mmCIF file of all heavy atoms, coordinates in Angstrom:
data_MODEL
# 
_entry.id   MODEL 
# 
loop_
_atom_site.group_PDB 
_atom_site.id 
_atom_site.type_symbol 
_atom_site.label_atom_id 
_atom_site.label_alt_id 
_atom_site.label_comp_id 
_atom_site.label_asym_id 
_atom_site.label_entity_id 
_atom_site.label_seq_id 
_atom_site.pdbx_PDB_ins_code 
_atom_site.Cartn_x 
_atom_site.Cartn_y 
_atom_site.Cartn_z 
_atom_site.occupancy 
_atom_site.B_iso_or_equiv 
_atom_site.pdbx_formal_charge 
_atom_site.auth_seq_id 
_atom_site.auth_comp_id 
_atom_site.auth_asym_id 
_atom_site.auth_atom_id 
_atom_site.pdbx_PDB_model_num 
ATOM 1   N N   . TYR A 1 1  ? 116.056 73.800 100.828 1.00 0.00 ? 1  TYR A N   1 
ATOM 2   C CA  . TYR A 1 1  ? 116.545 75.166 100.741 1.00 0.00 ? 1  TYR A CA  1 
ATOM 3   C C   . TYR A 1 1  ? 116.200 75.886 102.031 1.00 0.00 ? 1  TYR A C   1 
ATOM 4   O O   . TYR A 1 1  ? 115.237 75.526 102.733 1.00 0.00 ? 1  TYR A O   1 
ATOM 5   C CB  . TYR A 1 1  ? 115.926 75.925 99.543  1.00 0.00 ? 1  TYR A CB  1 
ATOM 6   C CG  . TYR A 1 1  ? 114.441 76.042 99.567  1.00 0.00 ? 1  TYR A CG  1 
ATOM 7   C CD1 . TYR A 1 1  ? 113.825 77.146 100.151 1.00 0.00 ? 1  TYR A CD1 1 
ATOM 8   C CD2 . TYR A 1 1  ? 113.633 75.042 99.021  1.00 0.00 ? 1  TYR A CD2 1 
ATOM 9   C CE1 . TYR A 1 1  ? 112.466 77.223 100.179 1.00 0.00 ? 1  TYR A CE1 1 
ATOM 10  C CE2 . TYR A 1 1  ? 112.250 75.144 99.034  1.00 0.00 ? 1  TYR A CE2 1 
ATOM 11  C CZ  . TYR A 1 1  ? 111.693 76.248 99.616  1.00 0.00 ? 1  TYR A CZ  1 
ATOM 12  O OH  . TYR A 1 1  ? 110.305 76.332 99.645  1.00 0.00 ? 1  TYR A OH  1 
ATOM 13  N N   . TYR A 1 2  ? 116.985 76.878 102.388 1.00 0.00 ? 2  TYR A N   1 
ATOM 14  C CA  . TYR A 1 2  ? 116.783 77.624 103.608 1.00 0.00 ? 2  TYR A CA  1 
ATOM 15  C C   . TYR A 1 2  ? 115.854 78.803 103.336 1.00 0.00 ? 2  TYR A C   1 
ATOM 16  O O   . TYR A 1 2  ? 115.907 79.473 102.296 1.00 0.00 ? 2  TYR A O   1 
ATOM 17  C CB  . TYR A 1 2  ? 118.096 78.124 104.173 1.00 0.00 ? 2  TYR A CB  1 
ATOM 18  C CG  . TYR A 1 2  ? 118.992 77.018 104.666 1.00 0.00 ? 2  TYR A CG  1 
ATOM 19  C CD1 . TYR A 1 2  ? 120.054 76.564 103.906 1.00 0.00 ? 2  TYR A CD1 1 
ATOM 20  C CD2 . TYR A 1 2  ? 118.747 76.394 105.857 1.00 0.00 ? 2  TYR A CD2 1 
ATOM 21  C CE1 . TYR A 1 2  ? 120.857 75.515 104.347 1.00 0.00 ? 2  TYR A CE1 1 
ATOM 22  C CE2 . TYR A 1 2  ? 119.518 75.348 106.321 1.00 0.00 ? 2  TYR A CE2 1 
ATOM 23  C CZ  . TYR A 1 2  ? 120.565 74.938 105.550 1.00 0.00 ? 2  TYR A CZ  1 
ATOM 24  O OH  . TYR A 1 2  ? 121.355 73.906 105.993 1.00 0.00 ? 2  TYR A OH  1 
ATOM 25  N N   . ALA A 1 3  ? 114.978 79.082 104.293 1.00 0.00 ? 3  ALA A N   1 
ATOM 26  C CA  . ALA A 1 3  ? 114.081 80.242 104.160 1.00 0.00 ? 3  ALA A CA  1 
ATOM 27  C C   . ALA A 1 3  ? 114.875 81.524 104.375 1.00 0.00 ? 3  ALA A C   1 
ATOM 28  O O   . ALA A 1 3  ? 115.841 81.561 105.110 1.00 0.00 ? 3  ALA A O   1 
ATOM 29  C CB  . ALA A 1 3  ? 112.962 80.149 105.192 1.00 0.00 ? 3  ALA A CB  1 
ATOM 30  N N   . THR A 1 4  ? 114.452 82.572 103.713 1.00 0.00 ? 4  THR A N   1 
ATOM 31  C CA  . THR A 1 4  ? 115.105 83.874 103.888 1.00 0.00 ? 4  THR A CA  1 
ATOM 32  C C   . THR A 1 4  ? 114.248 84.742 104.805 1.00 0.00 ? 4  THR A C   1 
ATOM 33  O O   . THR A 1 4  ? 113.028 84.578 104.862 1.00 0.00 ? 4  THR A O   1 
ATOM 34  C CB  . THR A 1 4  ? 115.276 84.581 102.536 1.00 0.00 ? 4  THR A CB  1 
ATOM 35  O OG1 . THR A 1 4  ? 114.000 84.730 101.924 1.00 0.00 ? 4  THR A OG1 1 
ATOM 36  C CG2 . THR A 1 4  ? 116.183 83.770 101.624 1.00 0.00 ? 4  THR A CG2 1 
ATOM 37  N N   . TYR A 1 5  ? 114.902 85.650 105.533 1.00 0.00 ? 5  TYR A N   1 
ATOM 38  C CA  . TYR A 1 5  ? 114.189 86.525 106.413 1.00 0.00 ? 5  TYR A CA  1 
ATOM 39  C C   . TYR A 1 5  ? 113.310 87.470 105.593 1.00 0.00 ? 5  TYR A C   1 
ATOM 40  O O   . TYR A 1 5  ? 113.743 87.953 104.558 1.00 0.00 ? 5  TYR A O   1 
ATOM 41  C CB  . TYR A 1 5  ? 115.182 87.310 107.292 1.00 0.00 ? 5  TYR A CB  1 
ATOM 42  C CG  . TYR A 1 5  ? 114.571 87.928 108.476 1.00 0.00 ? 5  TYR A CG  1 
ATOM 43  C CD1 . TYR A 1 5  ? 114.253 87.199 109.595 1.00 0.00 ? 5  TYR A CD1 1 
ATOM 44  C CD2 . TYR A 1 5  ? 114.299 89.319 108.501 1.00 0.00 ? 5  TYR A CD2 1 
ATOM 45  C CE1 . TYR A 1 5  ? 113.673 87.759 110.691 1.00 0.00 ? 5  TYR A CE1 1 
ATOM 46  C CE2 . TYR A 1 5  ? 113.725 89.891 109.608 1.00 0.00 ? 5  TYR A CE2 1 
ATOM 47  C CZ  . TYR A 1 5  ? 113.411 89.124 110.675 1.00 0.00 ? 5  TYR A CZ  1 
ATOM 48  O OH  . TYR A 1 5  ? 112.839 89.709 111.811 1.00 0.00 ? 5  TYR A OH  1 
ATOM 49  N N   . PRO A 1 6  ? 112.052 87.742 106.030 1.00 0.00 ? 6  PRO A N   1 
ATOM 50  C CA  . PRO A 1 6  ? 111.181 88.592 105.238 1.00 0.00 ? 6  PRO A CA  1 
ATOM 51  C C   . PRO A 1 6  ? 111.728 90.030 105.159 1.00 0.00 ? 6  PRO A C   1 
ATOM 52  O O   . PRO A 1 6  ? 112.321 90.551 106.091 1.00 0.00 ? 6  PRO A O   1 
ATOM 53  C CB  . PRO A 1 6  ? 109.843 88.585 105.970 1.00 0.00 ? 6  PRO A CB  1 
ATOM 54  C CG  . PRO A 1 6  ? 110.091 87.934 107.285 1.00 0.00 ? 6  PRO A CG  1 
ATOM 55  C CD  . PRO A 1 6  ? 111.399 87.208 107.221 1.00 0.00 ? 6  PRO A CD  1 
ATOM 56  N N   . THR A 1 7  ? 111.463 90.664 104.030 1.00 0.00 ? 7  THR A N   1 
ATOM 57  C CA  . THR A 1 7  ? 111.888 92.063 103.837 1.00 0.00 ? 7  THR A CA  1 
ATOM 58  C C   . THR A 1 7  ? 111.001 92.985 104.651 1.00 0.00 ? 7  THR A C   1 
ATOM 59  O O   . THR A 1 7  ? 109.980 92.569 105.199 1.00 0.00 ? 7  THR A O   1 
ATOM 60  C CB  . THR A 1 7  ? 111.817 92.443 102.334 1.00 0.00 ? 7  THR A CB  1 
ATOM 61  O OG1 . THR A 1 7  ? 110.432 92.344 101.909 1.00 0.00 ? 7  THR A OG1 1 
ATOM 62  C CG2 . THR A 1 7  ? 112.650 91.526 101.485 1.00 0.00 ? 7  THR A CG2 1 
ATOM 63  N N   . GLN A 1 8  ? 111.371 94.244 104.680 1.00 0.00 ? 8  GLN A N   1 
ATOM 64  C CA  . GLN A 1 8  ? 110.558 95.243 105.461 1.00 0.00 ? 8  GLN A CA  1 
ATOM 65  C C   . GLN A 1 8  ? 109.150 95.327 104.876 1.00 0.00 ? 8  GLN A C   1 
ATOM 66  O O   . GLN A 1 8  ? 108.178 95.467 105.629 1.00 0.00 ? 8  GLN A O   1 
ATOM 67  C CB  . GLN A 1 8  ? 111.245 96.602 105.403 1.00 0.00 ? 8  GLN A CB  1 
ATOM 68  C CG  . GLN A 1 8  ? 112.504 96.710 106.214 1.00 0.00 ? 8  GLN A CG  1 
ATOM 69  C CD  . GLN A 1 8  ? 112.216 96.782 107.709 1.00 0.00 ? 8  GLN A CD  1 
ATOM 70  O OE1 . GLN A 1 8  ? 111.292 96.159 108.193 1.00 0.00 ? 8  GLN A OE1 1 
ATOM 71  N NE2 . GLN A 1 8  ? 113.026 97.563 108.398 1.00 0.00 ? 8  GLN A NE2 1 
ATOM 72  N N   . GLN A 1 9  ? 109.028 95.281 103.530 1.00 0.00 ? 9  GLN A N   1 
ATOM 73  C CA  . GLN A 1 9  ? 107.713 95.360 102.926 1.00 0.00 ? 9  GLN A CA  1 
ATOM 74  C C   . GLN A 1 9  ? 106.852 94.146 103.282 1.00 0.00 ? 9  GLN A C   1 
ATOM 75  O O   . GLN A 1 9  ? 105.667 94.277 103.621 1.00 0.00 ? 9  GLN A O   1 
ATOM 76  C CB  . GLN A 1 9  ? 107.854 95.445 101.408 1.00 0.00 ? 9  GLN A CB  1 
ATOM 77  C CG  . GLN A 1 9  ? 106.539 95.589 100.668 1.00 0.00 ? 9  GLN A CG  1 
ATOM 78  C CD  . GLN A 1 9  ? 106.732 95.619 99.155  1.00 0.00 ? 9  GLN A CD  1 
ATOM 79  O OE1 . GLN A 1 9  ? 107.804 95.382 98.667  1.00 0.00 ? 9  GLN A OE1 1 
ATOM 80  N NE2 . GLN A 1 9  ? 105.663 95.902 98.464  1.00 0.00 ? 9  GLN A NE2 1 
ATOM 81  N N   . GLN A 1 10 ? 107.447 92.958 103.321 1.00 0.00 ? 10 GLN A N   1 
ATOM 82  C CA  . GLN A 1 10 ? 106.697 91.761 103.700 1.00 0.00 ? 10 GLN A CA  1 
ATOM 83  C C   . GLN A 1 10 ? 106.306 91.834 105.198 1.00 0.00 ? 10 GLN A C   1 
ATOM 84  O O   . GLN A 1 10 ? 105.199 91.433 105.528 1.00 0.00 ? 10 GLN A O   1 
ATOM 85  C CB  . GLN A 1 10 ? 107.559 90.514 103.446 1.00 0.00 ? 10 GLN A CB  1 
ATOM 86  C CG  . GLN A 1 10 ? 107.748 90.215 101.996 1.00 0.00 ? 10 GLN A CG  1 
ATOM 87  C CD  . GLN A 1 10 ? 108.723 89.079 101.789 1.00 0.00 ? 10 GLN A CD  1 
ATOM 88  O OE1 . GLN A 1 10 ? 109.640 88.875 102.591 1.00 0.00 ? 10 GLN A OE1 1 
ATOM 89  N NE2 . GLN A 1 10 ? 108.550 88.347 100.662 1.00 0.00 ? 10 GLN A NE2 1 
ATOM 90  N N   . GLN A 1 11 ? 107.195 92.349 106.019 1.00 0.00 ? 11 GLN A N   1 
ATOM 91  C CA  . GLN A 1 11 ? 106.866 92.459 107.438 1.00 0.00 ? 11 GLN A CA  1 
ATOM 92  C C   . GLN A 1 11 ? 105.704 93.416 107.657 1.00 0.00 ? 11 GLN A C   1 
ATOM 93  O O   . GLN A 1 11 ? 104.823 93.149 108.448 1.00 0.00 ? 11 GLN A O   1 
ATOM 94  C CB  . GLN A 1 11 ? 108.095 92.954 108.213 1.00 0.00 ? 11 GLN A CB  1 
ATOM 95  C CG  . GLN A 1 11 ? 109.202 91.943 108.322 1.00 0.00 ? 11 GLN A CG  1 
ATOM 96  C CD  . GLN A 1 11 ? 110.435 92.482 109.040 1.00 0.00 ? 11 GLN A CD  1 
ATOM 97  O OE1 . GLN A 1 11 ? 110.381 93.590 109.618 1.00 0.00 ? 11 GLN A OE1 1 
ATOM 98  N NE2 . GLN A 1 11 ? 111.501 91.742 108.995 1.00 0.00 ? 11 GLN A NE2 1 
ATOM 99  N N   . ARG A 1 12 ? 105.673 94.528 106.920 1.00 0.00 ? 12 ARG A N   1 
ATOM 100 C CA  . ARG A 1 12 ? 104.556 95.470 107.022 1.00 0.00 ? 12 ARG A CA  1 
ATOM 101 C C   . ARG A 1 12 ? 103.258 94.805 106.546 1.00 0.00 ? 12 ARG A C   1 
ATOM 102 O O   . ARG A 1 12 ? 102.214 95.007 107.143 1.00 0.00 ? 12 ARG A O   1 
ATOM 103 C CB  . ARG A 1 12 ? 104.826 96.734 106.207 1.00 0.00 ? 12 ARG A CB  1 
ATOM 104 C CG  . ARG A 1 12 ? 105.554 97.785 106.989 1.00 0.00 ? 12 ARG A CG  1 
ATOM 105 C CD  . ARG A 1 12 ? 105.686 99.100 106.239 1.00 0.00 ? 12 ARG A CD  1 
ATOM 106 N NE  . ARG A 1 12 ? 107.078 99.285 105.965 1.00 0.00 ? 12 ARG A NE  1 
ATOM 107 C CZ  . ARG A 1 12 ? 107.654 99.275 104.769 1.00 0.00 ? 12 ARG A CZ  1 
ATOM 108 N NH1 . ARG A 1 12 ? 106.921 99.171 103.691 1.00 0.00 ? 12 ARG A NH1 1 
ATOM 109 N NH2 . ARG A 1 12 ? 108.954 99.464 104.597 1.00 0.00 ? 12 ARG A NH2 1 
ATOM 110 N N   . ARG A 1 13 ? 103.341 94.022 105.480 1.00 0.00 ? 13 ARG A N   1 
ATOM 111 C CA  . ARG A 1 13 ? 102.158 93.371 104.949 1.00 0.00 ? 13 ARG A CA  1 
ATOM 112 C C   . ARG A 1 13 ? 101.633 92.353 105.967 1.00 0.00 ? 13 ARG A C   1 
ATOM 113 O O   . ARG A 1 13 ? 100.433 92.261 106.175 1.00 0.00 ? 13 ARG A O   1 
ATOM 114 C CB  . ARG A 1 13 ? 102.486 92.635 103.630 1.00 0.00 ? 13 ARG A CB  1 
ATOM 115 C CG  . ARG A 1 13 ? 101.280 92.206 102.873 1.00 0.00 ? 13 ARG A CG  1 
ATOM 116 C CD  . ARG A 1 13 ? 101.595 91.592 101.522 1.00 0.00 ? 13 ARG A CD  1 
ATOM 117 N NE  . ARG A 1 13 ? 102.770 92.192 100.882 1.00 0.00 ? 13 ARG A NE  1 
ATOM 118 C CZ  . ARG A 1 13 ? 103.678 91.452 100.237 1.00 0.00 ? 13 ARG A CZ  1 
ATOM 119 N NH1 . ARG A 1 13 ? 103.591 90.167 100.139 1.00 0.00 ? 13 ARG A NH1 1 
ATOM 120 N NH2 . ARG A 1 13 ? 104.727 92.044 99.672  1.00 0.00 ? 13 ARG A NH2 1 
ATOM 121 N N   . TYR A 1 14 ? 102.524 91.620 106.653 1.00 0.00 ? 14 TYR A N   1 
ATOM 122 C CA  . TYR A 1 14 ? 102.120 90.691 107.680 1.00 0.00 ? 14 TYR A CA  1 
ATOM 123 C C   . TYR A 1 14 ? 101.443 91.413 108.837 1.00 0.00 ? 14 TYR A C   1 
ATOM 124 O O   . TYR A 1 14 ? 100.480 90.929 109.402 1.00 0.00 ? 14 TYR A O   1 
ATOM 125 C CB  . TYR A 1 14 ? 103.326 89.907 108.222 1.00 0.00 ? 14 TYR A CB  1 
ATOM 126 C CG  . TYR A 1 14 ? 103.947 88.936 107.220 1.00 0.00 ? 14 TYR A CG  1 
ATOM 127 C CD1 . TYR A 1 14 ? 105.305 88.626 107.282 1.00 0.00 ? 14 TYR A CD1 1 
ATOM 128 C CD2 . TYR A 1 14 ? 103.221 88.384 106.198 1.00 0.00 ? 14 TYR A CD2 1 
ATOM 129 C CE1 . TYR A 1 14 ? 105.876 87.795 106.385 1.00 0.00 ? 14 TYR A CE1 1 
ATOM 130 C CE2 . TYR A 1 14 ? 103.790 87.512 105.264 1.00 0.00 ? 14 TYR A CE2 1 
ATOM 131 C CZ  . TYR A 1 14 ? 105.119 87.224 105.369 1.00 0.00 ? 14 TYR A CZ  1 
ATOM 132 O OH  . TYR A 1 14 ? 105.703 86.381 104.468 1.00 0.00 ? 14 TYR A OH  1 
ATOM 133 N N   . LEU A 1 15 ? 101.975 92.594 109.208 1.00 0.00 ? 15 LEU A N   1 
ATOM 134 C CA  . LEU A 1 15 ? 101.389 93.388 110.272 1.00 0.00 ? 15 LEU A CA  1 
ATOM 135 C C   . LEU A 1 15 ? 99.978  93.816 109.920 1.00 0.00 ? 15 LEU A C   1 
ATOM 136 O O   . LEU A 1 15 ? 99.038  93.717 110.716 1.00 0.00 ? 15 LEU A O   1 
ATOM 137 C CB  . LEU A 1 15 ? 102.268 94.582 110.598 1.00 0.00 ? 15 LEU A CB  1 
ATOM 138 C CG  . LEU A 1 15 ? 101.776 95.513 111.668 1.00 0.00 ? 15 LEU A CG  1 
ATOM 139 C CD1 . LEU A 1 15 ? 101.717 94.788 113.001 1.00 0.00 ? 15 LEU A CD1 1 
ATOM 140 C CD2 . LEU A 1 15 ? 102.645 96.760 111.745 1.00 0.00 ? 15 LEU A CD2 1 
ATOM 141 N N   . VAL A 1 16 ? 99.805  94.308 108.677 1.00 0.00 ? 16 VAL A N   1 
ATOM 142 C CA  . VAL A 1 16 ? 98.469  94.757 108.251 1.00 0.00 ? 16 VAL A CA  1 
ATOM 143 C C   . VAL A 1 16 ? 97.504  93.585 108.205 1.00 0.00 ? 16 VAL A C   1 
ATOM 144 O O   . VAL A 1 16 ? 96.357  93.699 108.648 1.00 0.00 ? 16 VAL A O   1 
ATOM 145 C CB  . VAL A 1 16 ? 98.552  95.423 106.833 1.00 0.00 ? 16 VAL A CB  1 
ATOM 146 C CG1 . VAL A 1 16 ? 97.199  95.666 106.268 1.00 0.00 ? 16 VAL A CG1 1 
ATOM 147 C CG2 . VAL A 1 16 ? 99.310  96.734 106.965 1.00 0.00 ? 16 VAL A CG2 1 
ATOM 148 N N   . GLN A 1 17 ? 97.959  92.418 107.738 1.00 0.00 ? 17 GLN A N   1 
ATOM 149 C CA  . GLN A 1 17 ? 97.086  91.241 107.720 1.00 0.00 ? 17 GLN A CA  1 
ATOM 150 C C   . GLN A 1 17 ? 96.702  90.829 109.096 1.00 0.00 ? 17 GLN A C   1 
ATOM 151 O O   . GLN A 1 17 ? 95.549  90.401 109.350 1.00 0.00 ? 17 GLN A O   1 
ATOM 152 C CB  . GLN A 1 17 ? 97.779  90.070 107.010 1.00 0.00 ? 17 GLN A CB  1 
ATOM 153 C CG  . GLN A 1 17 ? 97.916  90.271 105.501 1.00 0.00 ? 17 GLN A CG  1 
ATOM 154 C CD  . GLN A 1 17 ? 98.715  89.122 104.847 1.00 0.00 ? 17 GLN A CD  1 
ATOM 155 O OE1 . GLN A 1 17 ? 99.324  88.320 105.547 1.00 0.00 ? 17 GLN A OE1 1 
ATOM 156 N NE2 . GLN A 1 17 ? 98.726  89.137 103.544 1.00 0.00 ? 17 GLN A NE2 1 
ATOM 157 N N   . GLY A 1 18 ? 97.630  90.946 110.064 1.00 0.00 ? 18 GLY A N   1 
ATOM 158 C CA  . GLY A 1 18 ? 97.308  90.602 111.450 1.00 0.00 ? 18 GLY A CA  1 
ATOM 159 C C   . GLY A 1 18 ? 96.279  91.544 112.055 1.00 0.00 ? 18 GLY A C   1 
ATOM 160 O O   . GLY A 1 18 ? 95.387  91.123 112.748 1.00 0.00 ? 18 GLY A O   1 
ATOM 161 N N   . ILE A 1 19 ? 96.430  92.818 111.763 1.00 0.00 ? 19 ILE A N   1 
ATOM 162 C CA  . ILE A 1 19 ? 95.484  93.812 112.278 1.00 0.00 ? 19 ILE A CA  1 
ATOM 163 C C   . ILE A 1 19 ? 94.099  93.571 111.690 1.00 0.00 ? 19 ILE A C   1 
ATOM 164 O O   . ILE A 1 19 ? 93.089  93.623 112.403 1.00 0.00 ? 19 ILE A O   1 
ATOM 165 C CB  . ILE A 1 19 ? 95.981  95.241 111.992 1.00 0.00 ? 19 ILE A CB  1 
ATOM 166 C CG1 . ILE A 1 19 ? 97.232  95.539 112.823 1.00 0.00 ? 19 ILE A CG1 1 
ATOM 167 C CG2 . ILE A 1 19 ? 94.869  96.263 112.256 1.00 0.00 ? 19 ILE A CG2 1 
ATOM 168 C CD1 . ILE A 1 19 ? 97.940  96.813 112.461 1.00 0.00 ? 19 ILE A CD1 1 
ATOM 169 N N   . VAL A 1 20 ? 94.034  93.320 110.374 1.00 0.00 ? 20 VAL A N   1 
ATOM 170 C CA  . VAL A 1 20 ? 92.730  93.019 109.736 1.00 0.00 ? 20 VAL A CA  1 
ATOM 171 C C   . VAL A 1 20 ? 92.112  91.774 110.369 1.00 0.00 ? 20 VAL A C   1 
ATOM 172 O O   . VAL A 1 20 ? 90.916  91.734 110.638 1.00 0.00 ? 20 VAL A O   1 
ATOM 173 C CB  . VAL A 1 20 ? 92.914  92.897 108.214 1.00 0.00 ? 20 VAL A CB  1 
ATOM 174 C CG1 . VAL A 1 20 ? 91.641  92.321 107.551 1.00 0.00 ? 20 VAL A CG1 1 
ATOM 175 C CG2 . VAL A 1 20 ? 93.274  94.211 107.619 1.00 0.00 ? 20 VAL A CG2 1 
ATOM 176 N N   . ALA A 1 21 ? 92.926  90.754 110.602 1.00 0.00 ? 21 ALA A N   1 
ATOM 177 C CA  . ALA A 1 21 ? 92.404  89.506 111.217 1.00 0.00 ? 21 ALA A CA  1 
ATOM 178 C C   . ALA A 1 21 ? 91.847  89.775 112.600 1.00 0.00 ? 21 ALA A C   1 
ATOM 179 O O   . ALA A 1 21 ? 90.814  89.219 112.999 1.00 0.00 ? 21 ALA A O   1 
ATOM 180 C CB  . ALA A 1 21 ? 93.500  88.478 111.246 1.00 0.00 ? 21 ALA A CB  1 
ATOM 181 N N   . VAL A 1 22 ? 92.530  90.587 113.403 1.00 0.00 ? 22 VAL A N   1 
ATOM 182 C CA  . VAL A 1 22 ? 92.068  90.882 114.759 1.00 0.00 ? 22 VAL A CA  1 
ATOM 183 C C   . VAL A 1 22 ? 90.736  91.583 114.676 1.00 0.00 ? 22 VAL A C   1 
ATOM 184 O O   . VAL A 1 22 ? 89.816  91.261 115.429 1.00 0.00 ? 22 VAL A O   1 
ATOM 185 C CB  . VAL A 1 22 ? 93.146  91.702 115.518 1.00 0.00 ? 22 VAL A CB  1 
ATOM 186 C CG1 . VAL A 1 22 ? 92.527  92.313 116.783 1.00 0.00 ? 22 VAL A CG1 1 
ATOM 187 C CG2 . VAL A 1 22 ? 94.337  90.850 115.846 1.00 0.00 ? 22 VAL A CG2 1 
ATOM 188 N N   . PHE A 1 23 ? 90.589  92.589 113.838 1.00 0.00 ? 23 PHE A N   1 
ATOM 189 C CA  . PHE A 1 23 ? 89.336  93.290 113.685 1.00 0.00 ? 23 PHE A CA  1 
ATOM 190 C C   . PHE A 1 23 ? 88.231  92.386 113.196 1.00 0.00 ? 23 PHE A C   1 
ATOM 191 O O   . PHE A 1 23 ? 87.070  92.510 113.601 1.00 0.00 ? 23 PHE A O   1 
ATOM 192 C CB  . PHE A 1 23 ? 89.479  94.543 112.806 1.00 0.00 ? 23 PHE A CB  1 
ATOM 193 C CG  . PHE A 1 23 ? 90.098  95.703 113.520 1.00 0.00 ? 23 PHE A CG  1 
ATOM 194 C CD1 . PHE A 1 23 ? 91.259  96.275 113.024 1.00 0.00 ? 23 PHE A CD1 1 
ATOM 195 C CD2 . PHE A 1 23 ? 89.547  96.217 114.660 1.00 0.00 ? 23 PHE A CD2 1 
ATOM 196 C CE1 . PHE A 1 23 ? 91.852  97.355 113.673 1.00 0.00 ? 23 PHE A CE1 1 
ATOM 197 C CE2 . PHE A 1 23 ? 90.140  97.292 115.350 1.00 0.00 ? 23 PHE A CE2 1 
ATOM 198 C CZ  . PHE A 1 23 ? 91.301  97.843 114.829 1.00 0.00 ? 23 PHE A CZ  1 
ATOM 199 N N   . LEU A 1 24 ? 88.558  91.479 112.304 1.00 0.00 ? 24 LEU A N   1 
ATOM 200 C CA  . LEU A 1 24 ? 87.558  90.518 111.824 1.00 0.00 ? 24 LEU A CA  1 
ATOM 201 C C   . LEU A 1 24 ? 87.046  89.628 112.969 1.00 0.00 ? 24 LEU A C   1 
ATOM 202 O O   . LEU A 1 24 ? 85.846  89.431 113.105 1.00 0.00 ? 24 LEU A O   1 
ATOM 203 C CB  . LEU A 1 24 ? 88.160  89.684 110.688 1.00 0.00 ? 24 LEU A CB  1 
ATOM 204 C CG  . LEU A 1 24 ? 87.234  88.616 110.069 1.00 0.00 ? 24 LEU A CG  1 
ATOM 205 C CD1 . LEU A 1 24 ? 86.078  89.282 109.356 1.00 0.00 ? 24 LEU A CD1 1 
ATOM 206 C CD2 . LEU A 1 24 ? 88.003  87.722 109.176 1.00 0.00 ? 24 LEU A CD2 1 
ATOM 207 N N   . ILE A 1 25 ? 87.966  89.126 113.766 1.00 0.00 ? 25 ILE A N   1 
ATOM 208 C CA  . ILE A 1 25 ? 87.558  88.277 114.893 1.00 0.00 ? 25 ILE A CA  1 
ATOM 209 C C   . ILE A 1 25 ? 86.755  89.075 115.906 1.00 0.00 ? 25 ILE A C   1 
ATOM 210 O O   . ILE A 1 25 ? 85.728  88.591 116.414 1.00 0.00 ? 25 ILE A O   1 
ATOM 211 C CB  . ILE A 1 25 ? 88.798  87.648 115.561 1.00 0.00 ? 25 ILE A CB  1 
ATOM 212 C CG1 . ILE A 1 25 ? 89.549  86.757 114.584 1.00 0.00 ? 25 ILE A CG1 1 
ATOM 213 C CG2 . ILE A 1 25 ? 88.443  86.920 116.837 1.00 0.00 ? 25 ILE A CG2 1 
ATOM 214 C CD1 . ILE A 1 25 ? 88.724  85.595 114.087 1.00 0.00 ? 25 ILE A CD1 1 
ATOM 215 N N   . ILE A 1 26 ? 87.142  90.303 116.188 1.00 0.00 ? 26 ILE A N   1 
ATOM 216 C CA  . ILE A 1 26 ? 86.382  91.151 117.098 1.00 0.00 ? 26 ILE A CA  1 
ATOM 217 C C   . ILE A 1 26 ? 84.976  91.381 116.579 1.00 0.00 ? 26 ILE A C   1 
ATOM 218 O O   . ILE A 1 26 ? 83.977  91.326 117.286 1.00 0.00 ? 26 ILE A O   1 
ATOM 219 C CB  . ILE A 1 26 ? 87.137  92.491 117.384 1.00 0.00 ? 26 ILE A CB  1 
ATOM 220 C CG1 . ILE A 1 26 ? 88.368  92.209 118.211 1.00 0.00 ? 26 ILE A CG1 1 
ATOM 221 C CG2 . ILE A 1 26 ? 86.198  93.483 118.074 1.00 0.00 ? 26 ILE A CG2 1 
ATOM 222 C CD1 . ILE A 1 26 ? 89.291  93.435 118.387 1.00 0.00 ? 26 ILE A CD1 1 
ATOM 223 N N   . GLY A 1 27 ? 84.879  91.632 115.260 1.00 0.00 ? 27 GLY A N   1 
ATOM 224 C CA  . GLY A 1 27 ? 83.576  91.822 114.645 1.00 0.00 ? 27 GLY A CA  1 
ATOM 225 C C   . GLY A 1 27 ? 82.695  90.605 114.703 1.00 0.00 ? 27 GLY A C   1 
ATOM 226 O O   . GLY A 1 27 ? 81.501  90.703 115.035 1.00 0.00 ? 27 GLY A O   1 
ATOM 227 N N   . VAL A 1 28 ? 83.247  89.442 114.461 1.00 0.00 ? 28 VAL A N   1 
ATOM 228 C CA  . VAL A 1 28 ? 82.486  88.200 114.518 1.00 0.00 ? 28 VAL A CA  1 
ATOM 229 C C   . VAL A 1 28 ? 82.014  87.948 115.945 1.00 0.00 ? 28 VAL A C   1 
ATOM 230 O O   . VAL A 1 28 ? 80.868  87.557 116.171 1.00 0.00 ? 28 VAL A O   1 
ATOM 231 C CB  . VAL A 1 28 ? 83.321  87.022 113.966 1.00 0.00 ? 28 VAL A CB  1 
ATOM 232 C CG1 . VAL A 1 28 ? 82.671  85.680 114.321 1.00 0.00 ? 28 VAL A CG1 1 
ATOM 233 C CG2 . VAL A 1 28 ? 83.541  87.160 112.491 1.00 0.00 ? 28 VAL A CG2 1 
ATOM 234 N N   . VAL A 1 29 ? 82.879  88.137 116.905 1.00 0.00 ? 29 VAL A N   1 
ATOM 235 C CA  . VAL A 1 29 ? 82.482  87.923 118.320 1.00 0.00 ? 29 VAL A CA  1 
ATOM 236 C C   . VAL A 1 29 ? 81.439  88.924 118.742 1.00 0.00 ? 29 VAL A C   1 
ATOM 237 O O   . VAL A 1 29 ? 80.456  88.584 119.413 1.00 0.00 ? 29 VAL A O   1 
ATOM 238 C CB  . VAL A 1 29 ? 83.729  88.012 119.238 1.00 0.00 ? 29 VAL A CB  1 
ATOM 239 C CG1 . VAL A 1 29 ? 83.328  88.035 120.720 1.00 0.00 ? 29 VAL A CG1 1 
ATOM 240 C CG2 . VAL A 1 29 ? 84.671  86.864 118.957 1.00 0.00 ? 29 VAL A CG2 1 
# 
């Protein structure tokens, strides 16, 4: 099956997860 493009809500969720991950890495370092 073909993947579907993420919705706007999913894109925002990915952005928030990325920001949280960046801050987590900065904190660990």
